[in-house]
C-alpha cells in the first residue's frame, strides 16, 4: 500500500516542461502571465492570461494570441504542443530560437517547438506611442552616457 501512495506523490511533483523555445509551469499549475523574449534585443514583454480571450493555430503558419490590448503572432515549426499548453494556461515564457539554422533534410523531433519569430501588434495607439517613446528615451539615455 505504501508503494501506491508514493506513486501518486510522484505524479504531483512532476517537473515543468522545458524546451529550447518555451517553458511551462508544473503539470497541475496554471501560469498567470506569458513572458516574450526576443533573440536580438534586451526587451522582454509580458501578457496576462486574464486578458487572453482567443487563440488561433494554423500548423502551416503559426499561433495567434488575441489579448485585449494586442495580438501576438508566433511563427515557427512543430508548435502543436506549445499551442495545447498555451490553451491550458501552462506556458510561462516563449523565446525566439537561438541556435544554428536547421537544414531542410535534418530530422527534427516533432515535440520540440522551434519559434522563428514573435510579433506583437498593439491595438491601442496611445499604448504603442508610450512604448515607442520609452524605448527611444532608453536609447537616448544610453547614447548620452557613452558619448
Protein backbone atom coordinates (compact mmCIF):
# COMPACT_ATOMS: atom_id res chain seq x y z
CA UNK A 1 0.00 0.00 0.00
CA UNK A 2 2.83 2.43 0.69
CA UNK A 3 4.09 1.96 -2.91
CA UNK A 4 0.77 3.22 -4.29
CA UNK A 5 0.91 6.34 -2.13
CA UNK A 6 4.47 7.04 -3.28
CA UNK A 7 3.45 6.65 -6.93
CA UNK A 8 0.64 9.20 -6.51
CA UNK A 9 3.00 11.67 -4.83
CA UNK A 10 5.44 11.40 -7.73
CA UNK A 11 2.67 12.37 -10.16
CA UNK A 12 2.06 15.65 -8.31
CA UNK A 13 5.73 16.64 -8.21
CA UNK A 14 6.46 16.36 -11.92
CA UNK A 15 8.92 18.89 -13.32
CA UNK A 16 7.97 21.74 -15.65
CA UNK A 17 8.38 21.23 -19.38
CA UNK A 18 11.48 22.94 -20.69
CA UNK A 19 12.16 23.25 -24.39
CA UNK A 20 14.58 25.45 -26.24
CA UNK A 21 11.84 27.98 -27.10
CA UNK A 22 9.37 27.86 -24.22
CA UNK A 23 8.88 26.92 -20.57
CA UNK A 24 5.84 25.76 -18.65
CA UNK A 25 4.63 25.52 -15.08
CA UNK A 26 4.35 22.32 -13.12
CA UNK A 27 1.81 19.87 -14.51
CA UNK A 28 -1.04 20.86 -12.17
CA UNK A 29 -0.34 24.61 -12.07
CA UNK A 30 -1.66 27.45 -14.22
CA UNK A 31 0.51 30.40 -15.20
CA UNK A 32 -0.72 33.95 -14.68
CA UNK A 33 1.29 35.55 -17.49
CA UNK A 34 3.49 34.84 -20.51
CA UNK A 35 6.92 36.42 -20.99
CA UNK A 36 8.03 37.02 -24.58
CA UNK A 37 11.79 37.17 -25.18
CA UNK A 38 13.38 38.26 -28.43
CA UNK A 39 16.62 36.96 -29.91
CA UNK A 40 18.38 40.22 -30.77
CA UNK A 41 17.18 42.64 -28.12
CA UNK A 42 17.08 43.24 -24.38
CA UNK A 43 13.33 43.87 -24.48
CA UNK A 44 11.02 41.39 -22.73
CA UNK A 45 7.24 41.72 -22.94
CA UNK A 46 4.65 40.20 -20.63
CA UNK A 47 0.96 39.46 -21.21
CA UNK A 48 -1.56 38.27 -18.63
CA UNK A 49 -3.59 35.15 -19.36
CA UNK A 50 -6.54 37.02 -17.85
CA UNK A 51 -6.52 39.29 -20.94
CA UNK A 52 -6.21 36.41 -23.44
CA UNK A 53 -9.64 35.92 -24.97
CA UNK A 54 -8.97 33.88 -28.11
CA UNK A 55 -6.32 31.64 -29.71
CA UNK A 56 -5.85 30.52 -33.31
CA UNK A 57 -3.41 27.92 -34.63
CA UNK A 58 -2.53 27.13 -38.23
CA UNK A 59 0.06 24.35 -38.44
CA UNK A 60 1.46 25.82 -41.65
CA UNK A 61 1.93 29.34 -40.28
CA UNK A 62 1.88 29.65 -36.51
CA UNK A 63 -0.13 30.74 -33.48
CA UNK A 64 -2.18 33.91 -32.96
CA UNK A 65 -2.98 35.02 -29.41
CA UNK A 66 -5.65 37.70 -29.08
CA UNK A 67 -5.28 39.79 -25.94
CA UNK A 68 -7.49 42.75 -25.07
CA UNK A 69 -4.71 45.23 -25.92
CA UNK A 70 -2.61 43.35 -28.51
CA UNK A 71 -2.31 40.47 -30.94
CA UNK A 72 0.73 38.23 -30.56
CA UNK A 73 1.87 36.23 -33.61
CA UNK A 74 4.20 33.28 -33.02
CA UNK A 75 5.78 31.85 -36.17
CA UNK A 76 7.65 28.57 -36.25
CA UNK A 77 7.59 24.82 -36.62
CA UNK A 78 6.27 21.96 -34.51
CA UNK A 79 4.06 24.27 -32.44
CA UNK A 80 1.34 21.68 -31.66
CA UNK A 81 2.45 21.03 -28.07
CA UNK A 82 3.08 24.74 -27.44
CA UNK A 83 -0.45 25.58 -28.59
CA UNK A 84 -2.00 22.90 -26.37
CA UNK A 85 -0.04 24.13 -23.36
CA UNK A 86 -0.99 27.74 -24.12
CA UNK A 87 -4.61 26.60 -24.28
CA UNK A 88 -4.21 25.13 -20.77
CA UNK A 89 -2.53 28.36 -19.47
CA UNK A 90 0.66 26.47 -18.65
CA UNK A 91 3.25 28.39 -20.71
CA UNK A 92 5.28 30.88 -18.65
CA UNK A 93 7.70 32.11 -21.31
CA UNK A 94 8.35 31.92 -25.04
CA UNK A 95 11.57 32.93 -26.74
CA UNK A 96 12.76 33.05 -30.30
CA UNK A 97 15.04 30.19 -31.29
CA UNK A 98 18.69 30.93 -30.71
CA UNK A 99 20.92 28.49 -32.50
CA UNK A 100 22.10 27.25 -35.82
CA UNK A 101 19.57 27.19 -38.66
CA UNK A 102 18.01 23.77 -39.17
CA UNK A 103 18.77 22.20 -42.55
CA UNK A 104 15.76 21.08 -44.59
CA UNK A 105 16.94 17.48 -44.67
CA UNK A 106 17.58 17.31 -40.90
CA UNK A 107 15.18 15.17 -38.89
CA UNK A 108 13.56 17.24 -36.17
CA UNK A 109 11.77 15.86 -33.13
CA UNK A 110 8.11 16.86 -33.56
CA UNK A 111 7.80 17.51 -29.80
CA UNK A 112 10.41 20.29 -29.90
CA UNK A 113 8.96 23.65 -30.90
CA UNK A 114 11.08 25.99 -32.98
CA UNK A 115 9.89 29.61 -32.66
CA UNK A 116 11.34 31.58 -35.56
CA UNK A 117 9.83 34.93 -34.64
CA UNK A 118 7.37 36.67 -32.33
CA UNK A 119 5.46 39.78 -33.39
CA UNK A 120 3.28 41.98 -31.20
CA UNK A 121 0.73 44.38 -32.70
CA UNK A 122 -0.84 46.73 -30.18
CA UNK A 123 -4.47 47.73 -30.70
CA UNK A 124 -4.23 50.90 -28.63
CA UNK A 125 -2.22 53.58 -30.47
CA UNK A 126 -1.64 55.51 -27.24
CA UNK A 127 -0.07 52.42 -25.66
CA UNK A 128 2.08 51.89 -28.77
CA UNK A 129 3.20 55.52 -28.67
CA UNK A 130 4.09 55.26 -24.97
CA UNK A 131 6.17 52.13 -25.61
CA UNK A 132 7.95 53.74 -28.57
CA UNK A 133 8.70 56.85 -26.54
CA UNK A 134 10.00 54.76 -23.63
CA UNK A 135 12.30 52.75 -25.93
CA UNK A 136 13.62 55.85 -27.70
CA UNK A 137 14.37 57.57 -24.37
CA UNK A 138 16.24 54.49 -23.23
CA UNK A 139 18.30 54.62 -26.41
CA UNK A 140 18.97 58.35 -25.99
CA UNK A 141 19.90 57.89 -22.34
CA UNK A 142 22.35 55.11 -23.22
CA UNK A 143 23.78 57.23 -26.02
CA UNK A 144 24.26 60.27 -23.77
CA UNK A 145 26.06 58.22 -21.11
CA UNK A 146 28.59 56.80 -23.59
CA UNK A 147 29.11 59.80 -25.82
